[in-house]
Amino acid sequence: MASQGLARVLAAVLGGQGVSVHGYDSEPAGEPPAPARLRKNVCYVVLAVFLNEQDEVLLIQEAKKECRGSWYLPAGRMEPGETIVEALQREVKEEAGLYCEPLTLLSVEERGPSWIRFVFLAQATGGILKTPKEADAESLQAGWYPRSSLPTPLRAQDILHLVELAARYRQQARHPLLLPQELPCSLVCQRLVATFTNVQTVWVLVGTEGMPHLPITACGFSPMEQRGGIKMAILRLLQECLTLHHLAVETKGLLGLQHLGKDHADGICLNVLVTVAFRNPGMQSEPPKVRGENFFWWKVMEEDLQSQLLQRLQESSVVPINR
């Protein structure tokens, strides 16, 4: 029965669906992590990339004093009480004058758990493009520009690789369409699909506290965890159950994103695909030994789940997490 429950949860996570967070298998040392609160200890930013049939990009001209007159993609900070999609739609309407729908998450960028940016490929569904006559504190105007000749000056060069990422995704989708799932969470945390593979066999790390489950690690806001980024929380959990000095750990990317933003629940849960491998494989055909009784390796026997995992791993079919 436990195996069937794990299979259902793994299938949901691989399908980009949400799974409620009921507890944490690893937390930062010292004080329990503080609940995530926008404008207090976390900042989430949303950014939209629009490409039309003429291969043009939607850009807005900045009105803020420090970058007035420069060009950028529609973007801005989330406000308390918003979902991620609501924040995206508000920012696009304020800055570009358009209504929109997100198509998929393209990338997650982080500077530690306290600053995370969600990059979307989106499409316009209505509205009127903002002109200089409607200039306000949000933006001076918006316009469509050929991808090969964007206006200058740009507010920052970081949007160039995001535009190219969107163009490549439109040509050939690297990962399935993925949108945030509206589920509450109090902390910034990560649910790990931590895998060990051998030929066509896949094992997944499972937590044992309560019902067997995919382990969840809470991110902290200490200077060390901020400097190390969100991968620090992954390594912390793995260090608690594995001897890492002879292992290679790689965060492949995002399988899903959970957030609600209502009732002061500003936390997020990132469902993350991770690989664990021996640095010197040799004849090692079994996963590394687990210390203690809080975790074990679950051998995935369901052929469909096994093939999905292998495909996602081999093709890196995940949303990239960049630092």
C-alpha atoms as a PDB file:
ATOM      1  CA  MET A   1       0.000   0.000   0.000  1.00  0.00           C
ATOM      2  CA  ALA A   2       2.843   2.391   0.833  1.00  0.00           C
ATOM      3  CA  SER A   3       4.352   1.716  -2.585  1.00  0.00           C
ATOM      4  CA  GLN A   4       1.031   2.506  -4.279  1.00  0.00           C
ATOM      5  CA  GLY A   5       0.766   5.786  -2.364  1.00  0.00           C
ATOM      6  CA  LEU A   6       4.308   6.753  -3.315  1.00  0.00           C
ATOM      7  CA  ALA A   7       3.595   5.901  -6.940  1.00  0.00           C
ATOM      8  CA  ARG A   8       0.522   8.163  -6.945  1.00  0.00           C
ATOM      9  CA  VAL A   9       2.449  11.072  -5.430  1.00  0.00           C
ATOM     10  CA  LEU A  10       5.391  10.605  -7.790  1.00  0.00           C
ATOM     11  CA  ALA A  11       3.038  10.490 -10.777  1.00  0.00           C
ATOM     12  CA  ALA A  12       1.384  13.712  -9.599  1.00  0.00           C
ATOM     13  CA  VAL A  13       4.724  15.486  -9.144  1.00  0.00           C
ATOM     14  CA  LEU A  14       6.012  14.327 -12.537  1.00  0.00           C
ATOM     15  CA  GLY A  15       2.767  15.623 -14.031  1.00  0.00           C
ATOM     16  CA  GLY A  16       3.362  19.097 -12.598  1.00  0.00           C
ATOM     17  CA  GLN A  17       0.536  18.756 -10.092  1.00  0.00           C
ATOM     18  CA  GLY A  18       0.637  19.942  -6.505  1.00  0.00           C
ATOM     19  CA  VAL A  19       0.882  17.814  -3.372  1.00  0.00           C
ATOM     20  CA  SER A  20       0.110  19.315   0.036  1.00  0.00           C
ATOM     21  CA  VAL A  21       3.012  20.045   2.382  1.00  0.00           C
ATOM     22  CA  HIS A  22       2.417  18.603   5.857  1.00  0.00           C
ATOM     23  CA  GLY A  23       5.888  18.767   7.387  1.00  0.00           C
ATOM     24  CA  TYR A  24       9.615  19.022   6.782  1.00  0.00           C
ATOM     25  CA  ASP A  25      12.278  16.322   6.852  1.00  0.00           C
ATOM     26  CA  SER A  26      15.137  18.793   7.198  1.00  0.00           C
ATOM     27  CA  GLU A  27      15.285  22.278   8.701  1.00  0.00           C
ATOM     28  CA  PRO A  28      18.161  24.728   9.234  1.00  0.00           C
ATOM     29  CA  ALA A  29      20.115  24.297  12.457  1.00  0.00           C
ATOM     30  CA  GLY A  30      19.186  26.535  15.373  1.00  0.00           C
ATOM     31  CA  GLU A  31      15.911  28.420  15.385  1.00  0.00           C
ATOM     32  CA  PRO A  32      12.996  26.987  13.369  1.00  0.00           C
ATOM     33  CA  PRO A  33      12.763  28.734   9.984  1.00  0.00           C
ATOM     34  CA  ALA A  34      10.538  31.805   9.950  1.00  0.00           C
ATOM     35  CA  PRO A  35       7.345  31.756   7.867  1.00  0.00           C
ATOM     36  CA  ALA A  36       7.815  33.434   4.495  1.00  0.00           C
ATOM     37  CA  ARG A  37       6.360  36.956   4.402  1.00  0.00           C
ATOM     38  CA  LEU A  38       6.432  39.194   1.343  1.00  0.00           C
ATOM     39  CA  ARG A  39       7.982  42.618   2.013  1.00  0.00           C
ATOM     40  CA  LYS A  40       9.560  41.210   5.190  1.00  0.00           C
ATOM     41  CA  ASN A  41      11.858  38.265   4.494  1.00  0.00           C
ATOM     42  CA  VAL A  42      11.070  37.219   0.903  1.00  0.00           C
ATOM     43  CA  CYS A  43      10.751  38.958  -2.453  1.00  0.00           C
ATOM     44  CA  TYR A  44       9.170  37.182  -5.414  1.00  0.00           C
ATOM     45  CA  VAL A  45       9.407  38.699  -8.881  1.00  0.00           C
ATOM     46  CA  VAL A  46       7.341  37.755 -11.939  1.00  0.00           C
ATOM     47  CA  LEU A  47       8.498  38.339 -15.521  1.00  0.00           C
ATOM     48  CA  ALA A  48       6.719  37.644 -18.817  1.00  0.00           C
ATOM     49  CA  VAL A  49       8.134  36.948 -22.277  1.00  0.00           C
ATOM     50  CA  PHE A  50       5.711  37.534 -25.170  1.00  0.00           C
ATOM     51  CA  LEU A  51       6.533  36.535 -28.756  1.00  0.00           C
ATOM     52  CA  ASN A  52       4.065  37.196 -31.571  1.00  0.00           C
ATOM     53  CA  GLU A  53       3.696  35.535 -34.975  1.00  0.00           C
ATOM     54  CA  GLN A  54       6.143  38.025 -36.506  1.00  0.00           C
ATOM     55  CA  ASP A  55       8.836  36.927 -34.017  1.00  0.00           C
ATOM     56  CA  GLU A  56       8.547  40.231 -32.198  1.00  0.00           C
ATOM     57  CA  VAL A  57       9.065  40.697 -28.454  1.00  0.00           C
ATOM     58  CA  LEU A  58       6.866  42.801 -26.181  1.00  0.00           C
ATOM     59  CA  LEU A  59       8.972  45.341 -24.273  1.00  0.00           C
ATOM     60  CA  ILE A  60       8.058  48.170 -21.933  1.00  0.00           C
ATOM     61  CA  GLN A  61       9.879  51.467 -21.453  1.00  0.00           C
ATOM     62  CA  GLU A  62      10.757  52.089 -17.836  1.00  0.00           C
ATOM     63  CA  ALA A  63       9.424  55.094 -15.907  1.00  0.00           C
ATOM     64  CA  LYS A  64      11.384  54.618 -12.678  1.00  0.00           C
ATOM     65  CA  LYS A  65      13.877  57.400 -11.994  1.00  0.00           C
ATOM     66  CA  GLU A  66      16.934  55.128 -11.818  1.00  0.00           C
ATOM     67  CA  CYS A  67      16.265  53.529 -15.228  1.00  0.00           C
ATOM     68  CA  ARG A  68      13.851  55.942 -16.935  1.00  0.00           C
ATOM     69  CA  GLY A  69      13.732  55.537 -20.705  1.00  0.00           C
ATOM     70  CA  SER A  70      15.385  52.115 -20.818  1.00  0.00           C
ATOM     71  CA  TRP A  71      13.606  49.003 -22.104  1.00  0.00           C
ATOM     72  CA  TYR A  72      12.801  45.740 -20.360  1.00  0.00           C
ATOM     73  CA  LEU A  73      10.401  42.815 -20.331  1.00  0.00           C
ATOM     74  CA  PRO A  74       7.191  43.300 -18.294  1.00  0.00           C
ATOM     75  CA  ALA A  75       8.154  42.413 -14.732  1.00  0.00           C
ATOM     76  CA  GLY A  76       7.612  43.360 -11.125  1.00  0.00           C
ATOM     77  CA  ARG A  77       7.361  42.297  -7.518  1.00  0.00           C
ATOM     78  CA  MET A  78       4.506  40.223  -6.192  1.00  0.00           C
ATOM     79  CA  GLU A  79       2.222  41.816  -3.620  1.00  0.00           C
ATOM     80  CA  PRO A  80       0.891  40.130  -0.455  1.00  0.00           C
ATOM     81  CA  GLY A  81      -2.301  38.181  -1.079  1.00  0.00           C
ATOM     82  CA  GLU A  82      -1.619  37.521  -4.769  1.00  0.00           C
ATOM     83  CA  THR A  83      -1.126  34.237  -6.516  1.00  0.00           C
ATOM     84  CA  ILE A  84       1.839  34.070  -8.883  1.00  0.00           C
ATOM     85  CA  VAL A  85      -0.432  34.208 -11.941  1.00  0.00           C
ATOM     86  CA  GLU A  86      -2.420  37.146 -10.532  1.00  0.00           C
ATOM     87  CA  ALA A  87       0.827  39.054  -9.980  1.00  0.00           C
ATOM     88  CA  LEU A  88       1.957  38.358 -13.540  1.00  0.00           C
ATOM     89  CA  GLN A  89      -1.354  39.511 -15.010  1.00  0.00           C
ATOM     90  CA  ARG A  90      -1.378  42.670 -12.893  1.00  0.00           C
ATOM     91  CA  GLU A  91       2.170  43.650 -13.860  1.00  0.00           C
ATOM     92  CA  VAL A  92       1.544  43.093 -17.576  1.00  0.00           C
ATOM     93  CA  LYS A  93      -1.673  45.133 -17.474  1.00  0.00           C
ATOM     94  CA  GLU A  94      -0.028  47.981 -15.535  1.00  0.00           C
ATOM     95  CA  GLU A  95       3.110  48.155 -17.657  1.00  0.00           C
ATOM     96  CA  ALA A  96       1.939  47.114 -21.131  1.00  0.00           C
ATOM     97  CA  GLY A  97      -1.838  47.678 -21.094  1.00  0.00           C
ATOM     98  CA  LEU A  98      -2.570  44.076 -22.099  1.00  0.00           C
ATOM     99  CA  TYR A  99      -4.513  41.226 -20.562  1.00  0.00           C
ATOM    100  CA  CYS A 100      -2.644  37.943 -20.686  1.00  0.00           C
ATOM    101  CA  GLU A 101      -2.495  34.287 -19.790  1.00  0.00           C
ATOM    102  CA  PRO A 102       0.727  32.469 -18.893  1.00  0.00           C
ATOM    103  CA  LEU A 103       1.502  29.479 -21.107  1.00  0.00           C
ATOM    104  CA  THR A 104       4.296  27.904 -19.099  1.00  0.00           C
ATOM    105  CA  LEU A 105       6.988  28.601 -16.580  1.00  0.00           C
ATOM    106  CA  LEU A 106      10.275  28.997 -18.477  1.00  0.00           C
ATOM    107  CA  SER A 107      12.810  29.494 -15.723  1.00  0.00           C
ATOM    108  CA  VAL A 108      13.229  30.090 -12.007  1.00  0.00           C
ATOM    109  CA  GLU A 109      16.039  32.402 -10.925  1.00  0.00           C
ATOM    110  CA  GLU A 110      17.192  32.774  -7.346  1.00  0.00           C
ATOM    111  CA  ARG A 111      19.634  34.691  -5.187  1.00  0.00           C
ATOM    112  CA  GLY A 112      19.002  32.544  -2.157  1.00  0.00           C
ATOM    113  CA  PRO A 113      15.594  31.730  -0.647  1.00  0.00           C
ATOM    114  CA  SER A 114      14.741  35.391  -0.013  1.00  0.00           C
ATOM    115  CA  TRP A 115      14.767  36.482  -3.701  1.00  0.00           C
ATOM    116  CA  ILE A 116      13.186  34.329  -6.410  1.00  0.00           C
ATOM    117  CA  ARG A 117      12.084  35.327  -9.923  1.00  0.00           C
ATOM    118  CA  PHE A 118       9.536  33.348 -11.932  1.00  0.00           C
ATOM    119  CA  VAL A 119       9.917  33.713 -15.709  1.00  0.00           C
ATOM    120  CA  PHE A 120       6.921  32.843 -17.904  1.00  0.00           C
ATOM    121  CA  LEU A 121       6.155  32.478 -21.571  1.00  0.00           C
ATOM    122  CA  ALA A 122       2.803  34.256 -21.947  1.00  0.00           C
ATOM    123  CA  GLN A 123       0.272  35.269 -24.574  1.00  0.00           C
ATOM    124  CA  ALA A 124      -1.824  38.423 -24.859  1.00  0.00           C
ATOM    125  CA  THR A 125      -5.589  37.888 -24.676  1.00  0.00           C
ATOM    126  CA  GLY A 126      -6.853  41.472 -24.997  1.00  0.00           C
ATOM    127  CA  GLY A 127      -6.338  45.050 -23.914  1.00  0.00           C
ATOM    128  CA  ILE A 128      -4.770  48.007 -25.719  1.00  0.00           C
ATOM    129  CA  LEU A 129      -1.030  48.456 -26.017  1.00  0.00           C
ATOM    130  CA  LYS A 130       0.170  51.311 -23.822  1.00  0.00           C
ATOM    131  CA  THR A 131       1.219  54.454 -25.707  1.00  0.00           C
ATOM    132  CA  PRO A 132       3.190  57.518 -24.519  1.00  0.00           C
ATOM    133  CA  LYS A 133      -0.155  59.245 -23.907  1.00  0.00           C
ATOM    134  CA  GLU A 134      -0.862  56.712 -21.126  1.00  0.00           C
ATOM    135  CA  ALA A 135       2.583  57.076 -19.531  1.00  0.00           C
ATOM    136  CA  ASP A 136       2.490  56.808 -15.747  1.00  0.00           C
ATOM    137  CA  ALA A 137       4.634  55.701 -12.822  1.00  0.00           C
ATOM    138  CA  GLU A 138       4.502  52.082 -14.026  1.00  0.00           C
ATOM    139  CA  SER A 139       5.918  52.627 -17.533  1.00  0.00           C
ATOM    140  CA  LEU A 140       6.233  55.179 -20.325  1.00  0.00           C
ATOM    141  CA  GLN A 141       4.961  52.946 -23.148  1.00  0.00           C
ATOM    142  CA  ALA A 142       5.048  49.415 -24.544  1.00  0.00           C
ATOM    143  CA  GLY A 143       5.756  48.048 -27.997  1.00  0.00           C
ATOM    144  CA  TRP A 144       6.529  45.010 -30.134  1.00  0.00           C
ATOM    145  CA  TYR A 145      10.093  44.839 -31.474  1.00  0.00           C
ATOM    146  CA  PRO A 146      11.900  42.347 -33.741  1.00  0.00           C
ATOM    147  CA  ARG A 147      13.792  39.798 -31.686  1.00  0.00           C
ATOM    148  CA  SER A 148      16.882  40.477 -33.794  1.00  0.00           C
ATOM    149  CA  SER A 149      16.896  44.250 -33.182  1.00  0.00           C
ATOM    150  CA  LEU A 150      15.658  45.230 -29.759  1.00  0.00           C
ATOM    151  CA  PRO A 151      15.533  48.924 -28.804  1.00  0.00           C
ATOM    152  CA  THR A 152      18.270  50.460 -26.691  1.00  0.00           C
ATOM    153  CA  PRO A 153      19.217  51.092 -24.042  1.00  0.00           C
ATOM    154  CA  LEU A 154      18.094  47.925 -22.287  1.00  0.00           C
ATOM    155  CA  ARG A 155      17.669  48.220 -18.542  1.00  0.00           C
ATOM    156  CA  ALA A 156      19.761  45.062 -18.167  1.00  0.00           C
ATOM    157  CA  GLN A 157      21.242  42.464 -20.489  1.00  0.00           C
ATOM    158  CA  ASP A 158      19.767  39.558 -18.528  1.00  0.00           C
ATOM    159  CA  ILE A 159      16.588  39.605 -20.626  1.00  0.00           C
ATOM    160  CA  LEU A 160      18.464  38.590 -23.783  1.00  0.00           C
ATOM    161  CA  HIS A 161      18.929  34.973 -22.736  1.00  0.00           C
ATOM    162  CA  LEU A 162      15.315  34.863 -21.489  1.00  0.00           C
ATOM    163  CA  VAL A 163      14.028  35.956 -24.901  1.00  0.00           C
ATOM    164  CA  GLU A 164      16.171  33.281 -26.558  1.00  0.00           C
ATOM    165  CA  LEU A 165      14.970  30.691 -24.039  1.00  0.00           C
ATOM    166  CA  ALA A 166      11.372  31.525 -24.964  1.00  0.00           C
ATOM    167  CA  ALA A 167      12.120  31.349 -28.687  1.00  0.00           C
ATOM    168  CA  ARG A 168      13.781  27.940 -28.317  1.00  0.00           C
ATOM    169  CA  TYR A 169      10.863  26.662 -26.258  1.00  0.00           C
ATOM    170  CA  ARG A 170       8.402  27.731 -28.959  1.00  0.00           C
ATOM    171  CA  GLN A 171      10.460  25.896 -31.579  1.00  0.00           C
ATOM    172  CA  GLN A 172      10.911  22.744 -29.505  1.00  0.00           C
ATOM    173  CA  ALA A 173       9.513  22.404 -26.002  1.00  0.00           C
ATOM    174  CA  ARG A 174      12.202  21.129 -23.661  1.00  0.00           C
ATOM    175  CA  HIS A 175       9.746  20.340 -20.869  1.00  0.00           C
ATOM    176  CA  PRO A 176       5.959  19.938 -20.533  1.00  0.00           C
ATOM    177  CA  LEU A 177       3.828  23.026 -20.007  1.00  0.00           C
ATOM    178  CA  LEU A 178       4.052  23.948 -16.340  1.00  0.00           C
ATOM    179  CA  LEU A 179       2.013  26.440 -14.318  1.00  0.00           C
ATOM    180  CA  PRO A 180       1.937  27.142 -10.566  1.00  0.00           C
ATOM    181  CA  GLN A 181      -0.398  25.013  -8.480  1.00  0.00           C
ATOM    182  CA  GLU A 182      -2.415  26.917  -5.888  1.00  0.00           C
ATOM    183  CA  LEU A 183      -1.591  25.171  -2.621  1.00  0.00           C
ATOM    184  CA  PRO A 184      -0.623  26.941   0.620  1.00  0.00           C
ATOM    185  CA  CYS A 185       2.800  26.653   2.193  1.00  0.00           C
ATOM    186  CA  SER A 186       4.232  28.569   5.133  1.00  0.00           C
ATOM    187  CA  LEU A 187       7.948  28.255   4.307  1.00  0.00           C
ATOM    188  CA  VAL A 188      10.197  28.358   1.270  1.00  0.00           C
ATOM    189  CA  CYS A 189      10.864  24.657   0.778  1.00  0.00           C
ATOM    190  CA  GLN A 190      11.731  21.981  -1.756  1.00  0.00           C
ATOM    191  CA  ARG A 191      10.224  18.545  -2.303  1.00  0.00           C
ATOM    192  CA  LEU A 192      12.948  16.275  -3.646  1.00  0.00           C
ATOM    193  CA  VAL A 193      12.621  13.644  -6.305  1.00  0.00           C
ATOM    194  CA  ALA A 194      16.154  12.463  -5.523  1.00  0.00           C
ATOM    195  CA  THR A 195      17.100   9.647  -7.880  1.00  0.00           C
ATOM    196  CA  PHE A 196      19.784   7.010  -8.270  1.00  0.00           C
ATOM    197  CA  THR A 197      19.883   5.145 -11.581  1.00  0.00           C
ATOM    198  CA  ASN A 198      21.570   2.021 -12.881  1.00  0.00           C
ATOM    199  CA  VAL A 199      20.953   1.193 -16.544  1.00  0.00           C
ATOM    200  CA  GLN A 200      17.127   1.038 -16.699  1.00  0.00           C
ATOM    201  CA  THR A 201      16.505   0.882 -12.943  1.00  0.00           C
ATOM    202  CA  VAL A 202      15.583   3.940 -10.868  1.00  0.00           C
ATOM    203  CA  TRP A 203      15.518   4.382  -7.102  1.00  0.00           C
ATOM    204  CA  VAL A 204      13.945   7.396  -5.378  1.00  0.00           C
ATOM    205  CA  LEU A 205      14.811   8.623  -1.875  1.00  0.00           C
ATOM    206  CA  VAL A 206      11.836   8.427   0.500  1.00  0.00           C
ATOM    207  CA  GLY A 207      11.230   9.907   3.954  1.00  0.00           C
ATOM    208  CA  THR A 208       9.753   7.615   6.610  1.00  0.00           C
ATOM    209  CA  GLU A 209       8.396  10.001   9.248  1.00  0.00           C
ATOM    210  CA  GLY A 210       4.637   9.466   9.185  1.00  0.00           C
ATOM    211  CA  MET A 211       3.587   7.854   5.925  1.00  0.00           C
ATOM    212  CA  PRO A 212       6.394   7.210   3.403  1.00  0.00           C
ATOM    213  CA  HIS A 213       6.723  10.335   1.262  1.00  0.00           C
ATOM    214  CA  LEU A 214       8.992  12.319  -1.028  1.00  0.00           C
ATOM    215  CA  PRO A 215      11.243  14.246   1.396  1.00  0.00           C
ATOM    216  CA  ILE A 216      10.843  17.995   1.899  1.00  0.00           C
ATOM    217  CA  THR A 217      13.626  20.322   2.996  1.00  0.00           C
ATOM    218  CA  ALA A 218      12.968  23.798   4.407  1.00  0.00           C
ATOM    219  CA  CYS A 219      15.136  26.695   3.236  1.00  0.00           C
ATOM    220  CA  GLY A 220      16.623  29.057   5.800  1.00  0.00           C
ATOM    221  CA  PHE A 221      17.459  32.753   5.636  1.00  0.00           C
ATOM    222  CA  SER A 222      20.857  32.666   7.343  1.00  0.00           C
ATOM    223  CA  PRO A 223      23.748  34.398   5.531  1.00  0.00           C
ATOM    224  CA  MET A 224      25.251  30.992   4.692  1.00  0.00           C
ATOM    225  CA  GLU A 225      22.056  29.669   3.098  1.00  0.00           C
ATOM    226  CA  GLN A 226      21.578  32.960   1.269  1.00  0.00           C
ATOM    227  CA  ARG A 227      25.095  32.790  -0.175  1.00  0.00           C
ATOM    228  CA  GLY A 228      24.777  29.140  -1.128  1.00  0.00           C
ATOM    229  CA  GLY A 229      21.358  29.482  -2.727  1.00  0.00           C
ATOM    230  CA  ILE A 230      18.450  27.098  -2.455  1.00  0.00           C
ATOM    231  CA  LYS A 231      20.683  24.120  -3.278  1.00  0.00           C
ATOM    232  CA  MET A 232      22.050  24.428   0.278  1.00  0.00           C
ATOM    233  CA  ALA A 233      18.799  23.041   1.671  1.00  0.00           C
ATOM    234  CA  ILE A 234      19.026  20.067  -0.703  1.00  0.00           C
ATOM    235  CA  LEU A 235      22.595  19.272   0.332  1.00  0.00           C
ATOM    236  CA  ARG A 236      21.678  19.652   4.010  1.00  0.00           C
ATOM    237  CA  LEU A 237      18.954  17.011   3.760  1.00  0.00           C
ATOM    238  CA  LEU A 238      21.166  14.622   1.803  1.00  0.00           C
ATOM    239  CA  GLN A 239      24.035  15.087   4.267  1.00  0.00           C
ATOM    240  CA  GLU A 240      21.711  13.980   7.047  1.00  0.00           C
ATOM    241  CA  CYS A 241      21.213  10.554   5.476  1.00  0.00           C
ATOM    242  CA  LEU A 242      24.073   9.934   3.012  1.00  0.00           C
ATOM    243  CA  THR A 243      27.874  10.131   3.058  1.00  0.00           C
ATOM    244  CA  LEU A 244      28.348  12.770   0.387  1.00  0.00           C
ATOM    245  CA  HIS A 245      32.129  12.952   0.003  1.00  0.00           C
ATOM    246  CA  HIS A 246      32.099  10.068  -2.507  1.00  0.00           C
ATOM    247  CA  LEU A 247      28.870  11.136  -4.216  1.00  0.00           C
ATOM    248  CA  ALA A 248      28.010  13.607  -6.981  1.00  0.00           C
ATOM    249  CA  VAL A 249      24.756  15.492  -6.424  1.00  0.00           C
ATOM    250  CA  GLU A 250      23.150  17.500  -9.225  1.00  0.00           C
ATOM    251  CA  THR A 251      19.967  19.555  -9.198  1.00  0.00           C
ATOM    252  CA  LYS A 252      18.480  18.933 -12.642  1.00  0.00           C
ATOM    253  CA  GLY A 253      15.637  21.438 -12.387  1.00  0.00           C
ATOM    254  CA  LEU A 254      12.016  22.049 -11.522  1.00  0.00           C
ATOM    255  CA  LEU A 255       9.140  19.582 -11.914  1.00  0.00           C
ATOM    256  CA  GLY A 256       6.511  21.762 -10.273  1.00  0.00           C
ATOM    257  CA  LEU A 257       5.774  24.912  -8.297  1.00  0.00           C
ATOM    258  CA  GLN A 258       3.276  25.348  -5.447  1.00  0.00           C
ATOM    259  CA  HIS A 259       2.099  28.647  -3.936  1.00  0.00           C
ATOM    260  CA  LEU A 260      -1.160  30.233  -2.862  1.00  0.00           C
ATOM    261  CA  GLY A 261      -0.488  33.659  -1.378  1.00  0.00           C
ATOM    262  CA  LYS A 262      -3.780  33.852   0.518  1.00  0.00           C
ATOM    263  CA  ASP A 263      -4.232  34.064   4.294  1.00  0.00           C
ATOM    264  CA  HIS A 264      -0.616  35.174   4.792  1.00  0.00           C
ATOM    265  CA  ALA A 265       0.739  31.925   3.299  1.00  0.00           C
ATOM    266  CA  ASP A 266       3.626  33.403   1.318  1.00  0.00           C
ATOM    267  CA  GLY A 267       5.745  30.254   1.228  1.00  0.00           C
ATOM    268  CA  ILE A 268       6.461  28.252  -1.898  1.00  0.00           C
ATOM    269  CA  CYS A 269       7.247  24.606  -2.523  1.00  0.00           C
ATOM    270  CA  LEU A 270       9.545  23.783  -5.423  1.00  0.00           C
ATOM    271  CA  ASN A 271       9.273  20.179  -6.607  1.00  0.00           C
ATOM    272  CA  VAL A 272      12.832  19.490  -7.723  1.00  0.00           C
ATOM    273  CA  LEU A 273      14.487  16.658  -9.658  1.00  0.00           C
ATOM    274  CA  VAL A 274      17.879  15.698  -8.206  1.00  0.00           C
ATOM    275  CA  THR A 275      20.399  13.026  -9.180  1.00  0.00           C
ATOM    276  CA  VAL A 276      22.717  11.181  -6.800  1.00  0.00           C
ATOM    277  CA  ALA A 277      25.598   9.183  -8.286  1.00  0.00           C
ATOM    278  CA  PHE A 278      28.929   7.731  -7.205  1.00  0.00           C
ATOM    279  CA  ARG A 279      31.905   9.850  -8.249  1.00  0.00           C
ATOM    280  CA  ASN A 280      33.715   6.633  -9.181  1.00  0.00           C
ATOM    281  CA  PRO A 281      30.929   4.244 -10.191  1.00  0.00           C
ATOM    282  CA  GLY A 282      33.071   1.125 -10.612  1.00  0.00           C
ATOM    283  CA  MET A 283      30.859  -1.891 -10.017  1.00  0.00           C
ATOM    284  CA  GLN A 284      28.345   0.000  -7.852  1.00  0.00           C
ATOM    285  CA  SER A 285      24.913  -1.132  -9.000  1.00  0.00           C
ATOM    286  CA  GLU A 286      22.935  -0.306  -5.839  1.00  0.00           C
ATOM    287  CA  PRO A 287      22.210   3.158  -4.402  1.00  0.00           C
ATOM    288  CA  PRO A 288      24.466   4.500  -1.633  1.00  0.00           C
ATOM    289  CA  LYS A 289      23.757   3.271   1.880  1.00  0.00           C
ATOM    290  CA  VAL A 290      21.339   5.375   3.921  1.00  0.00           C
ATOM    291  CA  ARG A 291      22.264   6.265   7.498  1.00  0.00           C
ATOM    292  CA  GLY A 292      19.599   6.064  10.187  1.00  0.00           C
ATOM    293  CA  GLU A 293      15.946   5.166   9.873  1.00  0.00           C
ATOM    294  CA  ASN A 294      14.423   8.396   8.537  1.00  0.00           C
ATOM    295  CA  PHE A 295      14.978   7.633   4.854  1.00  0.00           C
ATOM    296  CA  PHE A 296      15.236   4.704   2.449  1.00  0.00           C
ATOM    297  CA  TRP A 297      15.688   4.103  -1.268  1.00  0.00           C
ATOM    298  CA  TRP A 298      12.485   3.033  -3.014  1.00  0.00           C
ATOM    299  CA  LYS A 299      12.971   0.988  -6.173  1.00  0.00           C
ATOM    300  CA  VAL A 300      10.465   2.245  -8.751  1.00  0.00           C
ATOM    301  CA  MET A 301       8.815  -0.844 -10.223  1.00  0.00           C
ATOM    302  CA  GLU A 302       5.993   0.799 -12.217  1.00  0.00           C
ATOM    303  CA  GLU A 303       7.176   0.789 -15.826  1.00  0.00           C
ATOM    304  CA  ASP A 304       5.417   4.028 -16.759  1.00  0.00           C
ATOM    305  CA  LEU A 305       6.917   5.958 -13.840  1.00  0.00           C
ATOM    306  CA  GLN A 306      10.328   4.455 -14.479  1.00  0.00           C
ATOM    307  CA  SER A 307      10.261   5.450 -18.153  1.00  0.00           C
ATOM    308  CA  GLN A 308       9.032   8.960 -17.283  1.00  0.00           C
ATOM    309  CA  LEU A 309      11.851   9.446 -14.798  1.00  0.00           C
ATOM    310  CA  LEU A 310      14.495   8.148 -17.191  1.00  0.00           C
ATOM    311  CA  GLN A 311      13.192  10.370 -19.990  1.00  0.00           C
ATOM    312  CA  ARG A 312      13.127  13.481 -17.778  1.00  0.00           C
ATOM    313  CA  LEU A 313      16.654  12.706 -16.555  1.00  0.00           C
ATOM    314  CA  GLN A 314      18.170  11.876 -19.939  1.00  0.00           C
ATOM    315  CA  GLU A 315      16.631  14.858 -21.726  1.00  0.00           C
ATOM    316  CA  SER A 316      16.851  17.291 -18.773  1.00  0.00           C
ATOM    317  CA  SER A 317      13.129  17.774 -19.322  1.00  0.00           C
ATOM    318  CA  VAL A 318      12.708  20.211 -16.439  1.00  0.00           C
ATOM    319  CA  VAL A 319      12.352  23.949 -15.891  1.00  0.00           C
ATOM    320  CA  PRO A 320      15.868  25.305 -15.257  1.00  0.00           C
ATOM    321  CA  ILE A 321      16.737  26.825 -11.889  1.00  0.00           C
ATOM    322  CA  ASN A 322      19.397  29.490 -12.350  1.00  0.00           C
ATOM    323  CA  ARG A 323      21.461  31.425  -9.869  1.00  0.00           C
END
